[in-house]
Amino acid sequence: THQVRVHLSYIGHPIIGDGIYGSNKSKKMAEELGMGRQFLHAKRLEFTHPVTGKQIVLEDKLADDLLKCLRILRRRAKMSG
C-alpha cells in the first residue's frame, strides 16, 4: 500500500485516513467521518499461484464502515452541488 499512498498524495489525491501521507484536509475528513483506518479497499485481486500455476481470483465487497463513509460523502456532494 505504501507506493499507492505516496503516489496518490503526490498527485494531490491523498487517501482519507492516511496519517503519514495524507493532507491536513484528508486527516480532518477522516476525523469528521469517524474513520479509524485508511479508506483503502481491494475489490478484486488476481494472480497466478506460484506452485500450481492456477489463476487465483479473490473478490470482496466494500466493508460496512467504508460504505457508511461513502454514503456520507455522496450526501455531502449532492448538498454542495
PDB file of N, CA and C in Angstrom:
ATOM      1  N   THR A   1       0.810  -1.197   0.000  1.00  0.00           N
ATOM      2  CA  THR A   1       0.000   0.000   0.000  1.00  0.00           C
ATOM      3  C   THR A   1       0.854   1.262   0.000  1.00  0.00           C
ATOM      4  N   HIS A   2       2.102   1.152   0.414  1.00  0.00           N
ATOM      5  CA  HIS A   2       2.973   2.325   0.533  1.00  0.00           C
ATOM      6  C   HIS A   2       3.070   3.086  -0.788  1.00  0.00           C
ATOM      7  N   GLN A   3       3.335   2.379  -1.899  1.00  0.00           N
ATOM      8  CA  GLN A   3       3.503   3.053  -3.190  1.00  0.00           C
ATOM      9  C   GLN A   3       2.227   3.750  -3.626  1.00  0.00           C
ATOM     10  N   VAL A   4       1.092   3.112  -3.424  1.00  0.00           N
ATOM     11  CA  VAL A   4      -0.194   3.709  -3.788  1.00  0.00           C
ATOM     12  C   VAL A   4      -0.407   4.981  -2.986  1.00  0.00           C
ATOM     13  N   ARG A   5      -0.155   4.915  -1.689  1.00  0.00           N
ATOM     14  CA  ARG A   5      -0.361   6.067  -0.807  1.00  0.00           C
ATOM     15  C   ARG A   5       0.545   7.226  -1.189  1.00  0.00           C
ATOM     16  N   VAL A   6       1.803   6.953  -1.454  1.00  0.00           N
ATOM     17  CA  VAL A   6       2.762   8.000  -1.823  1.00  0.00           C
ATOM     18  C   VAL A   6       2.364   8.625  -3.156  1.00  0.00           C
ATOM     19  N   HIS A   7       2.052   7.797  -4.134  1.00  0.00           N
ATOM     20  CA  HIS A   7       1.703   8.307  -5.461  1.00  0.00           C
ATOM     21  C   HIS A   7       0.438   9.162  -5.410  1.00  0.00           C
ATOM     22  N   LEU A   8      -0.601   8.676  -4.748  1.00  0.00           N
ATOM     23  CA  LEU A   8      -1.841   9.445  -4.682  1.00  0.00           C
ATOM     24  C   LEU A   8      -1.643  10.772  -3.952  1.00  0.00           C
ATOM     25  N   SER A   9      -0.847  10.764  -2.912  1.00  0.00           N
ATOM     26  CA  SER A   9      -0.556  12.002  -2.200  1.00  0.00           C
ATOM     27  C   SER A   9       0.202  12.972  -3.111  1.00  0.00           C
ATOM     28  N   TYR A  10       1.160  12.449  -3.849  1.00  0.00           N
ATOM     29  CA  TYR A  10       1.984  13.264  -4.743  1.00  0.00           C
ATOM     30  C   TYR A  10       1.147  13.962  -5.811  1.00  0.00           C
ATOM     31  N   ILE A  11       0.124  13.270  -6.333  1.00  0.00           N
ATOM     32  CA  ILE A  11      -0.698  13.869  -7.395  1.00  0.00           C
ATOM     33  C   ILE A  11      -1.893  14.642  -6.836  1.00  0.00           C
ATOM     34  N   GLY A  12      -1.919  14.820  -5.519  1.00  0.00           N
ATOM     35  CA  GLY A  12      -2.943  15.664  -4.916  1.00  0.00           C
ATOM     36  C   GLY A  12      -4.234  14.962  -4.549  1.00  0.00           C
ATOM     37  N   HIS A  13      -4.186  13.631  -4.442  1.00  0.00           N
ATOM     38  CA  HIS A  13      -5.371  12.855  -4.073  1.00  0.00           C
ATOM     39  C   HIS A  13      -5.045  11.919  -2.905  1.00  0.00           C
ATOM     40  N   PRO A  14      -4.742  12.482  -1.737  1.00  0.00           N
ATOM     41  CA  PRO A  14      -4.364  11.635  -0.601  1.00  0.00           C
ATOM     42  C   PRO A  14      -5.527  10.754  -0.148  1.00  0.00           C
ATOM     43  N   ILE A  15      -5.194   9.637   0.435  1.00  0.00           N
ATOM     44  CA  ILE A  15      -6.196   8.688   0.924  1.00  0.00           C
ATOM     45  C   ILE A  15      -6.748   9.176   2.257  1.00  0.00           C
ATOM     46  N   ILE A  16      -8.065   9.159   2.380  1.00  0.00           N
ATOM     47  CA  ILE A  16      -8.706   9.554   3.637  1.00  0.00           C
ATOM     48  C   ILE A  16      -8.211   8.627   4.744  1.00  0.00           C
ATOM     49  N   GLY A  17      -7.786   9.219   5.836  1.00  0.00           N
ATOM     50  CA  GLY A  17      -7.329   8.443   6.986  1.00  0.00           C
ATOM     51  C   GLY A  17      -5.857   8.076   6.975  1.00  0.00           C
ATOM     52  N   ASP A  18      -5.111   8.520   5.962  1.00  0.00           N
ATOM     53  CA  ASP A  18      -3.680   8.221   5.901  1.00  0.00           C
ATOM     54  C   ASP A  18      -2.935   9.211   6.784  1.00  0.00           C
ATOM     55  N   GLY A  19      -2.511   8.752   7.945  1.00  0.00           N
ATOM     56  CA  GLY A  19      -1.841   9.600   8.917  1.00  0.00           C
ATOM     57  C   GLY A  19      -0.434  10.008   8.534  1.00  0.00           C
ATOM     58  N   ILE A  20       0.161   9.334   7.561  1.00  0.00           N
ATOM     59  CA  ILE A  20       1.537   9.642   7.169  1.00  0.00           C
ATOM     60  C   ILE A  20       1.583  10.489   5.900  1.00  0.00           C
ATOM     61  N   TYR A  21       0.918  10.055   4.845  1.00  0.00           N
ATOM     62  CA  TYR A  21       0.988  10.746   3.556  1.00  0.00           C
ATOM     63  C   TYR A  21      -0.246  11.590   3.260  1.00  0.00           C
ATOM     64  N   GLY A  22      -1.244  11.532   4.111  1.00  0.00           N
ATOM     65  CA  GLY A  22      -2.470  12.292   3.890  1.00  0.00           C
ATOM     66  C   GLY A  22      -2.279  13.779   4.137  1.00  0.00           C
ATOM     67  N   SER A  23      -3.088  14.566   3.465  1.00  0.00           N
ATOM     68  CA  SER A  23      -3.059  16.014   3.672  1.00  0.00           C
ATOM     69  C   SER A  23      -3.808  16.354   4.954  1.00  0.00           C
ATOM     70  N   ASN A  24      -3.673  17.589   5.399  1.00  0.00           N
ATOM     71  CA  ASN A  24      -4.435  18.020   6.579  1.00  0.00           C
ATOM     72  C   ASN A  24      -5.931  17.884   6.328  1.00  0.00           C
ATOM     73  N   LYS A  25      -6.347  18.185   5.085  1.00  0.00           N
ATOM     74  CA  LYS A  25      -7.766  18.078   4.725  1.00  0.00           C
ATOM     75  C   LYS A  25      -8.250  16.630   4.829  1.00  0.00           C
ATOM     76  N   SER A  26      -7.452  15.678   4.327  1.00  0.00           N
ATOM     77  CA  SER A  26      -7.877  14.274   4.375  1.00  0.00           C
ATOM     78  C   SER A  26      -7.869  13.744   5.809  1.00  0.00           C
ATOM     79  N   LYS A  27      -6.950  14.237   6.623  1.00  0.00           N
ATOM     80  CA  LYS A  27      -6.920  13.829   8.034  1.00  0.00           C
ATOM     81  C   LYS A  27      -8.136  14.379   8.773  1.00  0.00           C
ATOM     82  N   LYS A  28      -8.476  15.644   8.489  1.00  0.00           N
ATOM     83  CA  LYS A  28      -9.646  16.259   9.115  1.00  0.00           C
ATOM     84  C   LYS A  28     -10.919  15.533   8.683  1.00  0.00           C
ATOM     85  N   MET A  29     -10.996  15.194   7.409  1.00  0.00           N
ATOM     86  CA  MET A  29     -12.163  14.486   6.897  1.00  0.00           C
ATOM     87  C   MET A  29     -12.307  13.124   7.576  1.00  0.00           C
ATOM     88  N   ALA A  30     -11.196  12.432   7.780  1.00  0.00           N
ATOM     89  CA  ALA A  30     -11.233  11.130   8.450  1.00  0.00           C
ATOM     90  C   ALA A  30     -11.784  11.269   9.863  1.00  0.00           C
ATOM     91  N   GLU A  31     -11.371  12.319  10.557  1.00  0.00           N
ATOM     92  CA  GLU A  31     -11.879  12.566  11.912  1.00  0.00           C
ATOM     93  C   GLU A  31     -13.375  12.848  11.884  1.00  0.00           C
ATOM     94  N   GLU A  32     -13.813  13.694  10.947  1.00  0.00           N
ATOM     95  CA  GLU A  32     -15.236  14.037  10.835  1.00  0.00           C
ATOM     96  C   GLU A  32     -16.091  12.811  10.524  1.00  0.00           C
ATOM     97  N   LEU A  33     -15.553  11.906   9.714  1.00  0.00           N
ATOM     98  CA  LEU A  33     -16.293  10.712   9.309  1.00  0.00           C
ATOM     99  C   LEU A  33     -16.177   9.577  10.321  1.00  0.00           C
ATOM    100  N   GLY A  34     -15.315   9.754  11.321  1.00  0.00           N
ATOM    101  CA  GLY A  34     -15.111   8.701  12.309  1.00  0.00           C
ATOM    102  C   GLY A  34     -14.330   7.516  11.766  1.00  0.00           C
ATOM    103  N   MET A  35     -13.476   7.781  10.777  1.00  0.00           N
ATOM    104  CA  MET A  35     -12.669   6.712  10.183  1.00  0.00           C
ATOM    105  C   MET A  35     -11.535   6.338  11.124  1.00  0.00           C
ATOM    106  N   GLY A  36     -11.462   5.087  11.487  1.00  0.00           N
ATOM    107  CA  GLY A  36     -10.387   4.608  12.337  1.00  0.00           C
ATOM    108  C   GLY A  36      -9.275   3.954  11.550  1.00  0.00           C
ATOM    109  N   ARG A  37      -9.344   4.097  10.228  1.00  0.00           N
ATOM    110  CA  ARG A  37      -8.334   3.473   9.355  1.00  0.00           C
ATOM    111  C   ARG A  37      -8.321   4.186   8.009  1.00  0.00           C
ATOM    112  N   GLN A  38      -7.414   3.750   7.148  1.00  0.00           N
ATOM    113  CA  GLN A  38      -7.332   4.329   5.815  1.00  0.00           C
ATOM    114  C   GLN A  38      -8.497   3.836   4.954  1.00  0.00           C
ATOM    115  N   PHE A  39      -8.978   4.703   4.090  1.00  0.00           N
ATOM    116  CA  PHE A  39     -10.065   4.338   3.183  1.00  0.00           C
ATOM    117  C   PHE A  39      -9.448   3.625   1.980  1.00  0.00           C
ATOM    118  N   LEU A  40      -9.040   2.386   2.188  1.00  0.00           N
ATOM    119  CA  LEU A  40      -8.441   1.560   1.140  1.00  0.00           C
ATOM    120  C   LEU A  40      -9.210   0.250   1.043  1.00  0.00           C
ATOM    121  N   HIS A  41      -9.430  -0.213  -0.191  1.00  0.00           N
ATOM    122  CA  HIS A  41     -10.145  -1.467  -0.394  1.00  0.00           C
ATOM    123  C   HIS A  41      -9.728  -2.072  -1.728  1.00  0.00           C
ATOM    124  N   ALA A  42      -9.500  -3.370  -1.731  1.00  0.00           N
ATOM    125  CA  ALA A  42      -9.246  -4.095  -2.979  1.00  0.00           C
ATOM    126  C   ALA A  42     -10.499  -4.891  -3.311  1.00  0.00           C
ATOM    127  N   LYS A  43     -11.201  -4.476  -4.341  1.00  0.00           N
ATOM    128  CA  LYS A  43     -12.416  -5.182  -4.763  1.00  0.00           C
ATOM    129  C   LYS A  43     -12.064  -6.546  -5.348  1.00  0.00           C
ATOM    130  N   ARG A  44     -10.959  -6.584  -6.093  1.00  0.00           N
ATOM    131  CA  ARG A  44     -10.592  -7.834  -6.757  1.00  0.00           C
ATOM    132  C   ARG A  44      -9.069  -7.932  -6.842  1.00  0.00           C
ATOM    133  N   LEU A  45      -8.554  -9.094  -6.490  1.00  0.00           N
ATOM    134  CA  LEU A  45      -7.134  -9.401  -6.655  1.00  0.00           C
ATOM    135  C   LEU A  45      -7.044 -10.661  -7.502  1.00  0.00           C
ATOM    136  N   GLU A  46      -6.137 -10.660  -8.446  1.00  0.00           N
ATOM    137  CA  GLU A  46      -5.987 -11.815  -9.328  1.00  0.00           C
ATOM    138  C   GLU A  46      -4.497 -12.063  -9.549  1.00  0.00           C
ATOM    139  N   PHE A  47      -4.087 -13.323  -9.393  1.00  0.00           N
ATOM    140  CA  PHE A  47      -2.686 -13.661  -9.597  1.00  0.00           C
ATOM    141  C   PHE A  47      -2.555 -15.142  -9.943  1.00  0.00           C
ATOM    142  N   THR A  48      -1.403 -15.514 -10.451  1.00  0.00           N
ATOM    143  CA  THR A  48      -1.109 -16.909 -10.760  1.00  0.00           C
ATOM    144  C   THR A  48      -0.404 -17.530  -9.562  1.00  0.00           C
ATOM    145  N   HIS A  49      -0.919 -18.668  -9.091  1.00  0.00           N
ATOM    146  CA  HIS A  49      -0.306 -19.357  -7.952  1.00  0.00           C
ATOM    147  C   HIS A  49       1.102 -19.785  -8.356  1.00  0.00           C
ATOM    148  N   PRO A  50       2.107 -19.495  -7.528  1.00  0.00           N
ATOM    149  CA  PRO A  50       3.496 -19.765  -7.914  1.00  0.00           C
ATOM    150  C   PRO A  50       3.845 -21.253  -8.023  1.00  0.00           C
ATOM    151  N   VAL A  51       3.107 -22.125  -7.355  1.00  0.00           N
ATOM    152  CA  VAL A  51       3.416 -23.558  -7.393  1.00  0.00           C
ATOM    153  C   VAL A  51       2.537 -24.296  -8.398  1.00  0.00           C
ATOM    154  N   THR A  52       1.221 -24.073  -8.308  1.00  0.00           N
ATOM    155  CA  THR A  52       0.286 -24.817  -9.160  1.00  0.00           C
ATOM    156  C   THR A  52       0.093 -24.191 -10.532  1.00  0.00           C
ATOM    157  N   GLY A  53       0.394 -22.903 -10.656  1.00  0.00           N
ATOM    158  CA  GLY A  53       0.172 -22.214 -11.919  1.00  0.00           C
ATOM    159  C   GLY A  53      -1.286 -21.845 -12.161  1.00  0.00           C
ATOM    160  N   LYS A  54      -2.156 -22.190 -11.201  1.00  0.00           N
ATOM    161  CA  LYS A  54      -3.581 -21.869 -11.335  1.00  0.00           C
ATOM    162  C   LYS A  54      -3.816 -20.375 -11.142  1.00  0.00           C
ATOM    163  N   GLN A  55      -4.807 -19.871 -11.859  1.00  0.00           N
ATOM    164  CA  GLN A  55      -5.204 -18.474 -11.700  1.00  0.00           C
ATOM    165  C   GLN A  55      -6.051 -18.368 -10.427  1.00  0.00           C
ATOM    166  N   ILE A  56      -5.672 -17.487  -9.520  1.00  0.00           N
ATOM    167  CA  ILE A  56      -6.383 -17.272  -8.263  1.00  0.00           C
ATOM    168  C   ILE A  56      -7.088 -15.921  -8.350  1.00  0.00           C
ATOM    169  N   VAL A  57      -8.376 -15.915  -8.040  1.00  0.00           N
ATOM    170  CA  VAL A  57      -9.161 -14.684  -8.058  1.00  0.00           C
ATOM    171  C   VAL A  57      -9.834 -14.529  -6.704  1.00  0.00           C
ATOM    172  N   LEU A  58      -9.597 -13.401  -6.061  1.00  0.00           N
ATOM    173  CA  LEU A  58     -10.217 -13.085  -4.776  1.00  0.00           C
ATOM    174  C   LEU A  58     -11.047 -11.825  -4.954  1.00  0.00           C
ATOM    175  N   GLU A  59     -12.296 -11.861  -4.504  1.00  0.00           N
ATOM    176  CA  GLU A  59     -13.172 -10.694  -4.603  1.00  0.00           C
ATOM    177  C   GLU A  59     -13.866 -10.471  -3.268  1.00  0.00           C
ATOM    178  N   ASP A  60     -14.123  -9.207  -2.958  1.00  0.00           N
ATOM    179  CA  ASP A  60     -14.809  -8.883  -1.709  1.00  0.00           C
ATOM    180  C   ASP A  60     -15.575  -7.581  -1.879  1.00  0.00           C
ATOM    181  N   LYS A  61     -16.631  -7.463  -1.102  1.00  0.00           N
ATOM    182  CA  LYS A  61     -17.429  -6.236  -1.138  1.00  0.00           C
ATOM    183  C   LYS A  61     -16.784  -5.189  -0.231  1.00  0.00           C
ATOM    184  N   LEU A  62     -17.217  -3.977  -0.395  1.00  0.00           N
ATOM    185  CA  LEU A  62     -16.727  -2.887   0.433  1.00  0.00           C
ATOM    186  C   LEU A  62     -17.186  -3.102   1.875  1.00  0.00           C
ATOM    187  N   ALA A  63     -16.291  -2.916   2.818  1.00  0.00           N
ATOM    188  CA  ALA A  63     -16.611  -3.102   4.238  1.00  0.00           C
ATOM    189  C   ALA A  63     -17.674  -2.101   4.686  1.00  0.00           C
ATOM    190  N   ASP A  64     -18.443  -2.488   5.689  1.00  0.00           N
ATOM    191  CA  ASP A  64     -19.552  -1.661   6.170  1.00  0.00           C
ATOM    192  C   ASP A  64     -19.114  -0.259   6.590  1.00  0.00           C
ATOM    193  N   ASP A  65     -17.959  -0.145   7.272  1.00  0.00           N
ATOM    194  CA  ASP A  65     -17.520   1.182   7.711  1.00  0.00           C
ATOM    195  C   ASP A  65     -17.180   2.077   6.526  1.00  0.00           C
ATOM    196  N   LEU A  66     -16.628   1.491   5.470  1.00  0.00           N
ATOM    197  CA  LEU A  66     -16.310   2.274   4.281  1.00  0.00           C
ATOM    198  C   LEU A  66     -17.581   2.641   3.513  1.00  0.00           C
ATOM    199  N   LEU A  67     -18.548   1.727   3.476  1.00  0.00           N
ATOM    200  CA  LEU A  67     -19.836   2.035   2.841  1.00  0.00           C
ATOM    201  C   LEU A  67     -20.522   3.203   3.533  1.00  0.00           C
ATOM    202  N   LYS A  68     -20.476   3.194   4.856  1.00  0.00           N
ATOM    203  CA  LYS A  68     -21.093   4.273   5.635  1.00  0.00           C
ATOM    204  C   LYS A  68     -20.450   5.616   5.282  1.00  0.00           C
ATOM    205  N   CYS A  69     -19.122   5.649   5.252  1.00  0.00           N
ATOM    206  CA  CYS A  69     -18.406   6.889   4.916  1.00  0.00           C
ATOM    207  C   CYS A  69     -18.709   7.327   3.491  1.00  0.00           C
ATOM    208  N   LEU A  70     -18.788   6.387   2.573  1.00  0.00           N
ATOM    209  CA  LEU A  70     -19.088   6.713   1.185  1.00  0.00           C
ATOM    210  C   LEU A  70     -20.482   7.320   1.055  1.00  0.00           C
ATOM    211  N   ARG A  71     -21.438   6.788   1.781  1.00  0.00           N
ATOM    212  CA  ARG A  71     -22.798   7.350   1.763  1.00  0.00           C
ATOM    213  C   ARG A  71     -22.797   8.797   2.263  1.00  0.00           C
ATOM    214  N   ILE A  72     -22.065   9.034   3.338  1.00  0.00           N
ATOM    215  CA  ILE A  72     -21.977  10.391   3.895  1.00  0.00           C
ATOM    216  C   ILE A  72     -21.349  11.338   2.876  1.00  0.00           C
ATOM    217  N   LEU A  73     -20.262  10.902   2.243  1.00  0.00           N
ATOM    218  CA  LEU A  73     -19.577  11.742   1.259  1.00  0.00           C
ATOM    219  C   LEU A  73     -20.466  12.028   0.053  1.00  0.00           C
ATOM    220  N   ARG A  74     -21.219  11.037  -0.389  1.00  0.00           N
ATOM    221  CA  ARG A  74     -22.133  11.248  -1.521  1.00  0.00           C
ATOM    222  C   ARG A  74     -23.234  12.233  -1.156  1.00  0.00           C
ATOM    223  N   ARG A  75     -23.756  12.124   0.055  1.00  0.00           N
ATOM    224  CA  ARG A  75     -24.791  13.059   0.522  1.00  0.00           C
ATOM    225  C   ARG A  75     -24.247  14.482   0.552  1.00  0.00           C
ATOM    226  N   ARG A  76     -23.030  14.625   1.079  1.00  0.00           N
ATOM    227  CA  ARG A  76     -22.399  15.950   1.137  1.00  0.00           C
ATOM    228  C   ARG A  76     -22.217  16.529  -0.260  1.00  0.00           C
ATOM    229  N   ALA A  77     -21.800  15.682  -1.196  1.00  0.00           N
ATOM    230  CA  ALA A  77     -21.569  16.144  -2.567  1.00  0.00           C
ATOM    231  C   ALA A  77     -22.870  16.623  -3.205  1.00  0.00           C
ATOM    232  N   LYS A  78     -23.962  15.919  -2.970  1.00  0.00           N
ATOM    233  CA  LYS A  78     -25.260  16.330  -3.517  1.00  0.00           C
ATOM    234  C   LYS A  78     -25.709  17.653  -2.913  1.00  0.00           C
ATOM    235  N   MET A  79     -25.479  17.813  -1.621  1.00  0.00           N
ATOM    236  CA  MET A  79     -25.905  19.030  -0.928  1.00  0.00           C
ATOM    237  C   MET A  79     -25.111  20.247  -1.400  1.00  0.00           C
ATOM    238  N   SER A  80     -23.835  20.032  -1.722  1.00  0.00           N
ATOM    239  CA  SER A  80     -22.992  21.168  -2.119  1.00  0.00           C
ATOM    240  C   SER A  80     -23.054  21.425  -3.618  1.00  0.00           C
ATOM    241  N   GLY A  81     -23.686  20.525  -4.332  1.00  0.00           N
ATOM    242  CA  GLY A  81     -23.657  20.551  -5.664  1.00  0.00           C
ATOM    243  C   GLY A  81     -24.176  20.988  -6.831  1.00  0.00           C
TER     244      GLY A  81
END
